[in-house]
Amino acid sequence: MTISSLRLALLLLGCVGAVPACATSTRAVTSDAGLDAESPSEGGPLPDAGAPPDAEANASGGGARVFVTATKYAAKSLGGGASRVAGADGFCANAAAAAGLGGSWVAWLSTSTVNAIDRVTGTGPWYLVDGTTLLFSNKAALATVPRAGIGMNELGVRSETITRVWTGTANGGAVSLFTCDDWTNGTNRGKGMVGIGGQAAEWTQFLEESCDHQESLYCFEVK
């Protein structure tokens, strides 16, 4: 409230001049004036909302990365080793190294003995390799859907086409019924679950695909 509007209010209250009885009313009006001075409609300061949650999480330096491989792989080449997915993990590590990403990586891939969500260690958050697009805010979020589709490869290039991705993993991060015999079957008599890179809702469970196909992988950085 301006000085002129304050004077007008006092006039309406009959408080022009030194009238002790108007002291209470005067205090009330001046109190209102103080509130108006902080009101955004009067040009006062707006509340500080702070940095966006995504920016704060990334600024902490604790984030990890995710990409979908630019290369497609045969289902039977993904298995092996104690984990039964040693081939897939090796492909992720090689792709990350070739792109200069550094870090340690595992494939988002389930087998009959291990769920993909349990293979991804660390607490997150996880971002695309651009370092700014948040996908999963924490480990629990891996059981839901990403905040954005995982359509960026290890080189930071977004796919212009639909990318099918071997996962063997149902919604929620647990193994599906289709894993191409733990990624050793390369025939059209077996099936493997695929997700769709670049689409959030069907990122890990889209359809069962013949094991004689070649598809991409999701690679998660682990810490």
C-alpha atoms as a PDB file:
ATOM      1  CA  MET A   1       0.000   0.000   0.000  1.00  0.00           C
ATOM      2  CA  THR A   2       1.405   3.427  -0.949  1.00  0.00           C
ATOM      3  CA  ILE A   3       1.527   6.450   1.362  1.00  0.00           C
ATOM      4  CA  SER A   4      -1.381   8.106  -0.450  1.00  0.00           C
ATOM      5  CA  SER A   5      -3.547   5.010  -0.177  1.00  0.00           C
ATOM      6  CA  LEU A   6      -2.611   4.711   3.510  1.00  0.00           C
ATOM      7  CA  ARG A   7      -3.726   8.323   4.102  1.00  0.00           C
ATOM      8  CA  LEU A   8      -7.016   7.612   2.324  1.00  0.00           C
ATOM      9  CA  ALA A   9      -7.605   4.599   4.570  1.00  0.00           C
ATOM     10  CA  LEU A  10      -6.939   6.707   7.667  1.00  0.00           C
ATOM     11  CA  LEU A  11      -9.351   9.367   6.443  1.00  0.00           C
ATOM     12  CA  LEU A  12     -12.049   6.750   6.030  1.00  0.00           C
ATOM     13  CA  LEU A  13     -11.377   5.607   9.567  1.00  0.00           C
ATOM     14  CA  GLY A  14     -11.604   9.181  10.832  1.00  0.00           C
ATOM     15  CA  CYS A  15      -8.021   9.090  12.013  1.00  0.00           C
ATOM     16  CA  VAL A  16      -6.661  12.289  10.484  1.00  0.00           C
ATOM     17  CA  GLY A  17      -4.814  14.204  13.202  1.00  0.00           C
ATOM     18  CA  ALA A  18      -3.628  12.981  16.577  1.00  0.00           C
ATOM     19  CA  VAL A  19      -6.505  10.791  17.709  1.00  0.00           C
ATOM     20  CA  PRO A  20      -5.373   8.160  20.242  1.00  0.00           C
ATOM     21  CA  ALA A  21      -8.519   6.068  19.748  1.00  0.00           C
ATOM     22  CA  CYS A  22      -7.410   5.299  16.209  1.00  0.00           C
ATOM     23  CA  ALA A  23      -4.107   3.732  17.220  1.00  0.00           C
ATOM     24  CA  THR A  24      -5.401   0.166  16.892  1.00  0.00           C
ATOM     25  CA  SER A  25      -6.919   0.788  13.455  1.00  0.00           C
ATOM     26  CA  THR A  26      -3.742   2.528  12.310  1.00  0.00           C
ATOM     27  CA  ARG A  27      -1.633  -0.475  13.338  1.00  0.00           C
ATOM     28  CA  ALA A  28      -3.958  -2.780  11.429  1.00  0.00           C
ATOM     29  CA  VAL A  29      -3.760  -0.684   8.263  1.00  0.00           C
ATOM     30  CA  THR A  30       0.023  -0.357   8.407  1.00  0.00           C
ATOM     31  CA  SER A  31       0.269  -4.121   8.973  1.00  0.00           C
ATOM     32  CA  ASP A  32      -1.733  -4.673   5.801  1.00  0.00           C
ATOM     33  CA  ALA A  33       0.560  -2.265   4.020  1.00  0.00           C
ATOM     34  CA  GLY A  34       3.533  -4.366   5.044  1.00  0.00           C
ATOM     35  CA  LEU A  35       1.905  -7.502   3.635  1.00  0.00           C
ATOM     36  CA  ASP A  36       1.138  -5.744   0.367  1.00  0.00           C
ATOM     37  CA  ALA A  37       4.762  -4.692   0.056  1.00  0.00           C
ATOM     38  CA  GLU A  38       5.775  -8.366  -0.185  1.00  0.00           C
ATOM     39  CA  SER A  39       2.962  -9.315  -2.570  1.00  0.00           C
ATOM     40  CA  PRO A  40       4.063 -10.424  -6.072  1.00  0.00           C
ATOM     41  CA  SER A  41       1.246  -8.267  -7.529  1.00  0.00           C
ATOM     42  CA  GLU A  42       2.944  -5.219  -6.011  1.00  0.00           C
ATOM     43  CA  GLY A  43       6.311  -6.105  -7.477  1.00  0.00           C
ATOM     44  CA  GLY A  44       7.646  -7.724  -4.279  1.00  0.00           C
ATOM     45  CA  PRO A  45      10.073 -10.675  -4.297  1.00  0.00           C
ATOM     46  CA  LEU A  46       8.752 -14.041  -5.444  1.00  0.00           C
ATOM     47  CA  PRO A  47       9.399 -17.161  -3.352  1.00  0.00           C
ATOM     48  CA  ASP A  48      12.597 -18.969  -4.298  1.00  0.00           C
ATOM     49  CA  ALA A  49      11.520 -22.349  -5.684  1.00  0.00           C
ATOM     50  CA  GLY A  50      15.100 -23.551  -5.827  1.00  0.00           C
ATOM     51  CA  ALA A  51      16.756 -25.556  -8.605  1.00  0.00           C
ATOM     52  CA  PRO A  52      14.723 -28.243 -10.392  1.00  0.00           C
ATOM     53  CA  PRO A  53      15.064 -31.677  -8.698  1.00  0.00           C
ATOM     54  CA  ASP A  54      16.788 -33.127 -11.781  1.00  0.00           C
ATOM     55  CA  ALA A  55      19.412 -30.406 -11.808  1.00  0.00           C
ATOM     56  CA  GLU A  56      20.093 -30.799  -8.098  1.00  0.00           C
ATOM     57  CA  ALA A  57      20.556 -34.551  -8.385  1.00  0.00           C
ATOM     58  CA  ASN A  58      22.923 -34.260 -11.344  1.00  0.00           C
ATOM     59  CA  ALA A  59      24.886 -31.427  -9.772  1.00  0.00           C
ATOM     60  CA  SER A  60      25.759 -33.677  -6.851  1.00  0.00           C
ATOM     61  CA  GLY A  61      27.984 -35.757  -9.106  1.00  0.00           C
ATOM     62  CA  GLY A  62      26.404 -38.993  -7.906  1.00  0.00           C
ATOM     63  CA  GLY A  63      24.522 -39.815 -11.091  1.00  0.00           C
ATOM     64  CA  ALA A  64      25.117 -42.805 -13.370  1.00  0.00           C
ATOM     65  CA  ARG A  65      24.363 -43.239 -17.066  1.00  0.00           C
ATOM     66  CA  VAL A  66      22.298 -45.428 -19.400  1.00  0.00           C
ATOM     67  CA  PHE A  67      22.425 -45.922 -23.161  1.00  0.00           C
ATOM     68  CA  VAL A  68      20.991 -48.188 -25.825  1.00  0.00           C
ATOM     69  CA  THR A  69      23.659 -49.731 -28.023  1.00  0.00           C
ATOM     70  CA  ALA A  70      24.092 -48.530 -31.573  1.00  0.00           C
ATOM     71  CA  THR A  71      25.038 -52.103 -32.538  1.00  0.00           C
ATOM     72  CA  LYS A  72      22.589 -55.004 -32.687  1.00  0.00           C
ATOM     73  CA  TYR A  73      23.524 -58.445 -31.357  1.00  0.00           C
ATOM     74  CA  ALA A  74      22.391 -62.013 -31.926  1.00  0.00           C
ATOM     75  CA  ALA A  75      20.558 -63.489 -28.947  1.00  0.00           C
ATOM     76  CA  LYS A  76      22.874 -66.496 -28.718  1.00  0.00           C
ATOM     77  CA  SER A  77      25.913 -64.204 -28.389  1.00  0.00           C
ATOM     78  CA  LEU A  78      24.664 -62.619 -25.160  1.00  0.00           C
ATOM     79  CA  GLY A  79      25.048 -65.591 -22.798  1.00  0.00           C
ATOM     80  CA  GLY A  80      27.976 -67.257 -21.081  1.00  0.00           C
ATOM     81  CA  GLY A  81      29.974 -67.097 -17.875  1.00  0.00           C
ATOM     82  CA  ALA A  82      28.762 -67.408 -14.315  1.00  0.00           C
ATOM     83  CA  SER A  83      26.250 -64.614 -14.845  1.00  0.00           C
ATOM     84  CA  ARG A  84      24.871 -66.307 -17.987  1.00  0.00           C
ATOM     85  CA  VAL A  85      24.979 -62.890 -19.654  1.00  0.00           C
ATOM     86  CA  ALA A  86      28.736 -62.383 -19.848  1.00  0.00           C
ATOM     87  CA  GLY A  87      28.525 -61.758 -23.581  1.00  0.00           C
ATOM     88  CA  ALA A  88      26.015 -58.942 -23.140  1.00  0.00           C
ATOM     89  CA  ASP A  89      27.991 -57.303 -20.333  1.00  0.00           C
ATOM     90  CA  GLY A  90      31.094 -57.449 -22.517  1.00  0.00           C
ATOM     91  CA  PHE A  91      29.289 -55.742 -25.382  1.00  0.00           C
ATOM     92  CA  CYS A  92      28.189 -52.936 -23.048  1.00  0.00           C
ATOM     93  CA  ALA A  93      31.701 -52.475 -21.693  1.00  0.00           C
ATOM     94  CA  ASN A  94      33.193 -52.401 -25.196  1.00  0.00           C
ATOM     95  CA  ALA A  95      30.620 -49.905 -26.471  1.00  0.00           C
ATOM     96  CA  ALA A  96      31.193 -47.590 -23.509  1.00  0.00           C
ATOM     97  CA  ALA A  97      34.972 -47.801 -23.882  1.00  0.00           C
ATOM     98  CA  ALA A  98      34.837 -47.076 -27.616  1.00  0.00           C
ATOM     99  CA  ALA A  99      32.735 -43.980 -26.899  1.00  0.00           C
ATOM    100  CA  GLY A 100      35.151 -42.805 -24.191  1.00  0.00           C
ATOM    101  CA  LEU A 101      32.546 -43.027 -21.428  1.00  0.00           C
ATOM    102  CA  GLY A 102      34.646 -44.882 -18.860  1.00  0.00           C
ATOM    103  CA  GLY A 103      32.879 -46.491 -15.898  1.00  0.00           C
ATOM    104  CA  SER A 104      31.603 -50.006 -15.292  1.00  0.00           C
ATOM    105  CA  TRP A 105      28.574 -51.315 -17.187  1.00  0.00           C
ATOM    106  CA  VAL A 106      26.081 -54.181 -17.209  1.00  0.00           C
ATOM    107  CA  ALA A 107      23.347 -55.092 -19.648  1.00  0.00           C
ATOM    108  CA  TRP A 108      19.690 -54.812 -18.625  1.00  0.00           C
ATOM    109  CA  LEU A 109      19.101 -58.518 -19.192  1.00  0.00           C
ATOM    110  CA  SER A 110      17.426 -61.243 -17.133  1.00  0.00           C
ATOM    111  CA  THR A 111      18.016 -64.985 -17.074  1.00  0.00           C
ATOM    112  CA  SER A 112      16.261 -67.897 -15.410  1.00  0.00           C
ATOM    113  CA  THR A 113      18.376 -67.338 -12.294  1.00  0.00           C
ATOM    114  CA  VAL A 114      18.758 -63.563 -12.019  1.00  0.00           C
ATOM    115  CA  ASN A 115      16.546 -60.532 -12.585  1.00  0.00           C
ATOM    116  CA  ALA A 116      17.813 -57.552 -14.557  1.00  0.00           C
ATOM    117  CA  ILE A 117      16.911 -55.152 -11.748  1.00  0.00           C
ATOM    118  CA  ASP A 118      19.148 -57.076  -9.330  1.00  0.00           C
ATOM    119  CA  ARG A 119      22.095 -56.874 -11.682  1.00  0.00           C
ATOM    120  CA  VAL A 120      22.083 -53.063 -11.627  1.00  0.00           C
ATOM    121  CA  THR A 121      23.974 -52.051  -8.500  1.00  0.00           C
ATOM    122  CA  GLY A 122      24.155 -48.591  -6.976  1.00  0.00           C
ATOM    123  CA  THR A 123      21.510 -46.170  -5.801  1.00  0.00           C
ATOM    124  CA  GLY A 124      21.257 -43.882  -8.824  1.00  0.00           C
ATOM    125  CA  PRO A 125      20.041 -41.570 -10.132  1.00  0.00           C
ATOM    126  CA  TRP A 126      20.481 -42.693 -13.752  1.00  0.00           C
ATOM    127  CA  TYR A 127      20.622 -40.318 -16.728  1.00  0.00           C
ATOM    128  CA  LEU A 128      21.031 -40.594 -20.463  1.00  0.00           C
ATOM    129  CA  VAL A 129      24.651 -40.120 -21.517  1.00  0.00           C
ATOM    130  CA  ASP A 130      23.892 -36.431 -22.138  1.00  0.00           C
ATOM    131  CA  GLY A 131      24.113 -36.103 -18.342  1.00  0.00           C
ATOM    132  CA  THR A 132      20.949 -34.012 -18.088  1.00  0.00           C
ATOM    133  CA  THR A 133      17.974 -36.215 -19.017  1.00  0.00           C
ATOM    134  CA  LEU A 134      16.876 -38.012 -15.860  1.00  0.00           C
ATOM    135  CA  LEU A 135      15.557 -41.549 -16.369  1.00  0.00           C
ATOM    136  CA  PHE A 136      15.389 -43.148 -12.917  1.00  0.00           C
ATOM    137  CA  SER A 137      15.719 -41.153  -9.692  1.00  0.00           C
ATOM    138  CA  ASN A 138      16.800 -44.137  -7.564  1.00  0.00           C
ATOM    139  CA  LYS A 139      17.069 -47.940  -7.498  1.00  0.00           C
ATOM    140  CA  ALA A 140      13.378 -48.422  -6.654  1.00  0.00           C
ATOM    141  CA  ALA A 141      12.408 -46.462  -9.764  1.00  0.00           C
ATOM    142  CA  LEU A 142      13.943 -49.184 -11.945  1.00  0.00           C
ATOM    143  CA  ALA A 143      10.813 -51.227 -11.201  1.00  0.00           C
ATOM    144  CA  THR A 144       8.643 -48.573 -12.877  1.00  0.00           C
ATOM    145  CA  VAL A 145       9.037 -46.764 -16.197  1.00  0.00           C
ATOM    146  CA  PRO A 146      11.736 -44.243 -17.084  1.00  0.00           C
ATOM    147  CA  ARG A 147      10.890 -40.551 -17.096  1.00  0.00           C
ATOM    148  CA  ALA A 148      11.968 -40.455 -20.744  1.00  0.00           C
ATOM    149  CA  GLY A 149      12.506 -43.074 -23.408  1.00  0.00           C
ATOM    150  CA  ILE A 150      15.970 -44.627 -23.592  1.00  0.00           C
ATOM    151  CA  GLY A 151      16.607 -43.736 -27.193  1.00  0.00           C
ATOM    152  CA  MET A 152      20.156 -42.339 -27.007  1.00  0.00           C
ATOM    153  CA  ASN A 153      23.169 -44.503 -27.857  1.00  0.00           C
ATOM    154  CA  GLU A 154      26.652 -44.509 -26.362  1.00  0.00           C
ATOM    155  CA  LEU A 155      27.743 -41.695 -28.705  1.00  0.00           C
ATOM    156  CA  GLY A 156      24.951 -39.410 -27.523  1.00  0.00           C
ATOM    157  CA  VAL A 157      22.976 -39.825 -30.746  1.00  0.00           C
ATOM    158  CA  ARG A 158      19.208 -40.233 -30.564  1.00  0.00           C
ATOM    159  CA  SER A 159      17.703 -42.928 -32.752  1.00  0.00           C
ATOM    160  CA  GLU A 160      15.395 -41.754 -35.528  1.00  0.00           C
ATOM    161  CA  THR A 161      13.742 -45.169 -35.806  1.00  0.00           C
ATOM    162  CA  ILE A 162      12.080 -47.672 -33.487  1.00  0.00           C
ATOM    163  CA  THR A 163      14.775 -49.667 -31.714  1.00  0.00           C
ATOM    164  CA  ARG A 164      14.018 -53.125 -30.379  1.00  0.00           C
ATOM    165  CA  VAL A 165      16.107 -54.122 -27.388  1.00  0.00           C
ATOM    166  CA  TRP A 166      16.764 -57.562 -25.918  1.00  0.00           C
ATOM    167  CA  THR A 167      15.734 -57.570 -22.227  1.00  0.00           C
ATOM    168  CA  GLY A 168      14.247 -60.938 -21.216  1.00  0.00           C
ATOM    169  CA  THR A 169      12.597 -58.782 -18.586  1.00  0.00           C
ATOM    170  CA  ALA A 170       8.980 -58.070 -17.701  1.00  0.00           C
ATOM    171  CA  ASN A 171       7.622 -54.823 -16.285  1.00  0.00           C
ATOM    172  CA  GLY A 172       8.971 -54.441 -12.762  1.00  0.00           C
ATOM    173  CA  GLY A 173      12.463 -55.666 -13.608  1.00  0.00           C
ATOM    174  CA  ALA A 174      11.972 -59.429 -13.068  1.00  0.00           C
ATOM    175  CA  VAL A 175      12.664 -62.162 -15.596  1.00  0.00           C
ATOM    176  CA  SER A 176      10.010 -62.864 -18.213  1.00  0.00           C
ATOM    177  CA  LEU A 177       9.204 -66.300 -19.607  1.00  0.00           C
ATOM    178  CA  PHE A 178      11.255 -65.537 -22.708  1.00  0.00           C
ATOM    179  CA  THR A 179      15.054 -65.454 -22.472  1.00  0.00           C
ATOM    180  CA  CYS A 180      16.159 -67.418 -25.551  1.00  0.00           C
ATOM    181  CA  ASP A 181      17.224 -70.277 -23.259  1.00  0.00           C
ATOM    182  CA  ASP A 182      19.361 -67.922 -21.166  1.00  0.00           C
ATOM    183  CA  TRP A 183      20.699 -66.287 -24.311  1.00  0.00           C
ATOM    184  CA  THR A 184      22.137 -69.413 -25.895  1.00  0.00           C
ATOM    185  CA  ASN A 185      19.359 -70.108 -28.419  1.00  0.00           C
ATOM    186  CA  GLY A 186      19.756 -68.584 -31.854  1.00  0.00           C
ATOM    187  CA  THR A 187      16.943 -70.358 -33.670  1.00  0.00           C
ATOM    188  CA  ASN A 188      13.447 -69.339 -34.668  1.00  0.00           C
ATOM    189  CA  ARG A 189      12.068 -71.963 -32.290  1.00  0.00           C
ATOM    190  CA  GLY A 190      12.866 -69.849 -29.233  1.00  0.00           C
ATOM    191  CA  LYS A 191      11.613 -66.481 -28.002  1.00  0.00           C
ATOM    192  CA  GLY A 192      13.173 -63.561 -26.195  1.00  0.00           C
ATOM    193  CA  MET A 193      11.436 -60.564 -24.638  1.00  0.00           C
ATOM    194  CA  VAL A 194      12.246 -57.222 -26.223  1.00  0.00           C
ATOM    195  CA  GLY A 195      11.507 -53.669 -25.169  1.00  0.00           C
ATOM    196  CA  ILE A 196      11.317 -50.511 -27.261  1.00  0.00           C
ATOM    197  CA  GLY A 197      14.126 -47.996 -26.990  1.00  0.00           C
ATOM    198  CA  GLY A 198      12.881 -44.427 -26.978  1.00  0.00           C
ATOM    199  CA  GLN A 199       9.462 -45.313 -25.554  1.00  0.00           C
ATOM    200  CA  ALA A 200       8.963 -45.099 -21.801  1.00  0.00           C
ATOM    201  CA  ALA A 201       5.847 -47.240 -21.349  1.00  0.00           C
ATOM    202  CA  GLU A 202       7.152 -50.299 -23.223  1.00  0.00           C
ATOM    203  CA  TRP A 203      10.820 -49.851 -22.544  1.00  0.00           C
ATOM    204  CA  THR A 204      11.430 -53.354 -21.159  1.00  0.00           C
ATOM    205  CA  GLN A 205       8.360 -55.408 -22.121  1.00  0.00           C
ATOM    206  CA  PHE A 206       6.968 -55.056 -25.625  1.00  0.00           C
ATOM    207  CA  LEU A 207       6.719 -58.486 -27.296  1.00  0.00           C
ATOM    208  CA  GLU A 208       8.357 -61.900 -27.601  1.00  0.00           C
ATOM    209  CA  GLU A 209      10.709 -62.043 -30.545  1.00  0.00           C
ATOM    210  CA  SER A 210      12.308 -64.943 -32.367  1.00  0.00           C
ATOM    211  CA  CYS A 211      15.788 -65.752 -31.076  1.00  0.00           C
ATOM    212  CA  ASP A 212      17.298 -65.733 -34.552  1.00  0.00           C
ATOM    213  CA  HIS A 213      16.976 -61.920 -34.691  1.00  0.00           C
ATOM    214  CA  GLN A 214      19.582 -59.313 -33.781  1.00  0.00           C
ATOM    215  CA  GLU A 215      18.652 -56.450 -31.458  1.00  0.00           C
ATOM    216  CA  SER A 216      20.228 -53.734 -29.301  1.00  0.00           C
ATOM    217  CA  LEU A 217      20.950 -53.763 -25.560  1.00  0.00           C
ATOM    218  CA  TYR A 218      20.359 -51.357 -22.698  1.00  0.00           C
ATOM    219  CA  CYS A 219      23.588 -50.687 -20.823  1.00  0.00           C
ATOM    220  CA  PHE A 220      23.510 -49.360 -17.237  1.00  0.00           C
ATOM    221  CA  GLU A 221      26.464 -47.834 -15.459  1.00  0.00           C
ATOM    222  CA  VAL A 222      26.985 -49.456 -12.062  1.00  0.00           C
ATOM    223  CA  LYS A 223      28.841 -48.200  -8.997  1.00  0.00           C
END
